[in-house]
Amino acid sequence: VQLQASRGGLVQAGGYLRLSCAVSRVTFSDYVVGWFRQAPGKERAFVAGISRNGGSTNYADSVKGRFTISRDNAKNTVYLQMSSLKPEDTAVYYCAAYRTIYIRGTSNDGASYNYWGHGTQVTVSS
């Protein structure tokens, strides 16, 4: 399983950015995909997750209403649309995936995710 996140970037506070995560070498629709982030000096934290069919999503309280996760199973890609960005959103962002038999539901526990991509830096300036 390979997960390739798009390049992040530098954004001003209040701005927006979209990350993508391309997943290859799997039957993509068998996998839940999530986004996590790790800020300097902090532990990795769950950001958002999406179920196999995209019908169920889950968000950290800190990003609800500002971030949207979606997936295109035809393109083997998951997206994280981030808006109203804040300096505290600055972190290295990781996409991750795990295979499940359940069509619905996601996990916000990093230990559930077996496969991880390389991180991508998102910096929000004030």
Protein backbone atom coordinates (compact mmCIF):
# COMPACT_ATOMS: atom_id res chain seq x y z
CA VAL A 1 0.00 0.00 0.00
CA GLN A 2 1.36 3.39 -0.95
CA LEU A 3 -0.02 6.70 0.19
CA GLN A 4 1.23 9.86 -1.44
CA ALA A 5 0.15 13.19 -0.03
CA SER A 6 0.27 16.33 -2.07
CA ARG A 7 2.59 19.14 -1.19
CA GLY A 8 1.39 21.42 1.57
CA GLY A 9 2.36 25.02 1.71
CA LEU A 10 2.45 28.38 3.40
CA VAL A 11 -0.89 30.11 3.80
CA GLN A 12 -2.01 33.24 5.57
CA ALA A 13 -4.45 32.99 8.43
CA GLY A 14 -7.98 32.89 7.13
CA GLY A 15 -6.86 31.31 3.89
CA TYR A 16 -7.49 27.89 2.45
CA LEU A 17 -5.58 24.92 1.16
CA ARG A 18 -6.50 21.52 -0.22
CA LEU A 19 -4.45 18.43 0.43
CA SER A 20 -4.85 15.22 -1.50
CA CYS A 21 -3.76 11.69 -0.74
CA ALA A 22 -3.41 9.20 -3.56
CA VAL A 23 -3.55 5.57 -2.51
CA SER A 24 -2.14 2.91 -4.79
CA ARG A 25 -1.65 -0.83 -5.00
CA VAL A 26 -4.88 -1.64 -3.21
CA THR A 27 -8.60 -1.95 -3.76
CA PHE A 28 -9.12 1.59 -2.58
CA SER A 29 -12.78 1.19 -1.68
CA ASP A 30 -11.82 -1.42 0.95
CA TYR A 31 -9.99 1.22 2.99
CA VAL A 32 -10.89 3.88 5.51
CA VAL A 33 -8.64 6.89 5.07
CA GLY A 34 -7.79 9.52 7.64
CA TRP A 35 -5.71 12.62 8.12
CA PHE A 36 -3.56 13.25 11.15
CA ARG A 37 -1.23 16.08 12.03
CA GLN A 38 1.70 16.70 14.30
CA ALA A 39 2.66 20.17 15.43
CA PRO A 40 6.12 20.93 16.82
CA GLY A 41 6.47 19.63 20.34
CA LYS A 42 3.09 17.93 20.26
CA GLU A 43 1.85 14.43 19.73
CA ARG A 44 0.26 13.33 16.53
CA ALA A 45 -3.45 14.09 16.50
CA PHE A 46 -6.43 12.95 14.49
CA VAL A 47 -7.86 15.49 12.08
CA ALA A 48 -10.49 13.77 9.95
CA GLY A 49 -11.52 10.37 8.65
CA ILE A 50 -13.78 9.06 5.92
CA SER A 51 -15.44 5.70 5.53
CA ARG A 52 -15.02 3.31 2.65
CA ASN A 53 -17.97 4.64 0.68
CA GLY A 54 -17.58 8.24 1.79
CA GLY A 55 -20.91 8.18 3.54
CA SER A 56 -19.48 8.66 6.99
CA THR A 57 -16.99 11.27 8.11
CA ASN A 58 -15.45 12.15 11.43
CA TYR A 59 -13.63 15.32 12.51
CA ALA A 60 -11.61 16.55 15.41
CA ASP A 61 -13.47 19.26 17.31
CA SER A 62 -10.72 21.74 16.47
CA VAL A 63 -11.42 21.53 12.73
CA LYS A 64 -15.18 20.97 12.58
CA GLY A 65 -16.85 23.45 10.32
CA ARG A 66 -13.54 24.46 8.72
CA PHE A 67 -12.16 21.26 7.20
CA THR A 68 -13.90 18.87 4.85
CA ILE A 69 -12.71 15.39 3.97
CA SER A 70 -13.93 13.69 0.81
CA ARG A 71 -12.93 10.85 -1.44
CA ASP A 72 -13.13 9.86 -5.08
CA ASN A 73 -12.99 6.10 -5.27
CA ALA A 74 -12.62 6.24 -9.05
CA LYS A 75 -9.39 8.16 -8.61
CA ASN A 76 -8.13 6.37 -5.49
CA THR A 77 -7.80 9.74 -3.82
CA VAL A 78 -8.89 11.39 -0.60
CA TYR A 79 -9.01 15.15 -0.19
CA LEU A 80 -8.80 17.44 2.80
CA GLN A 81 -10.19 20.87 2.09
CA MET A 82 -9.01 23.28 4.75
CA SER A 83 -10.49 26.73 5.11
CA SER A 84 -10.44 29.54 7.66
CA LEU A 85 -6.96 28.36 8.52
CA LYS A 86 -5.44 29.41 11.81
CA PRO A 87 -1.82 29.55 12.94
CA GLU A 88 -2.57 26.64 15.26
CA ASP A 89 -3.28 24.49 12.20
CA THR A 90 0.43 24.63 11.43
CA ALA A 91 1.72 21.07 11.46
CA VAL A 92 2.99 18.19 9.42
CA TYR A 93 -0.05 16.46 7.96
CA TYR A 94 -0.18 12.72 7.31
CA CYS A 95 -2.70 10.60 5.48
CA ALA A 96 -3.23 7.07 6.68
CA ALA A 97 -5.40 4.09 5.83
CA TYR A 98 -6.69 0.77 7.13
CA ARG A 99 -8.66 -1.99 5.55
CA THR A 100 -12.02 -2.93 7.00
CA ILE A 101 -15.04 -5.01 6.15
CA TYR A 102 -17.35 -2.27 7.38
CA ILE A 103 -18.77 0.07 4.77
CA ARG A 104 -19.54 2.76 7.30
CA GLY A 105 -17.61 4.21 10.16
CA THR A 106 -14.14 5.53 10.73
CA SER A 107 -11.63 5.46 13.52
CA ASN A 108 -10.00 8.48 15.13
CA ASP A 109 -7.36 6.27 16.74
CA GLY A 110 -4.04 6.30 14.98
CA ALA A 111 -3.39 2.76 16.15
CA SER A 112 -6.17 1.56 13.84
CA TYR A 113 -4.33 2.76 10.78
CA ASN A 114 -1.86 0.32 9.29
CA TYR A 115 -0.53 2.39 6.44
CA TRP A 116 0.90 5.88 6.50
CA GLY A 117 2.16 8.30 3.94
CA HIS A 118 5.00 10.72 4.30
CA GLY A 119 4.04 13.95 5.96
CA THR A 120 3.50 17.24 4.26
CA GLN A 121 4.12 20.58 5.93
CA VAL A 122 1.32 23.09 6.28
CA THR A 123 2.27 26.46 7.72
CA VAL A 124 -0.26 29.14 8.54
CA SER A 125 1.13 32.60 9.13
CA SER A 126 -0.61 35.14 11.31
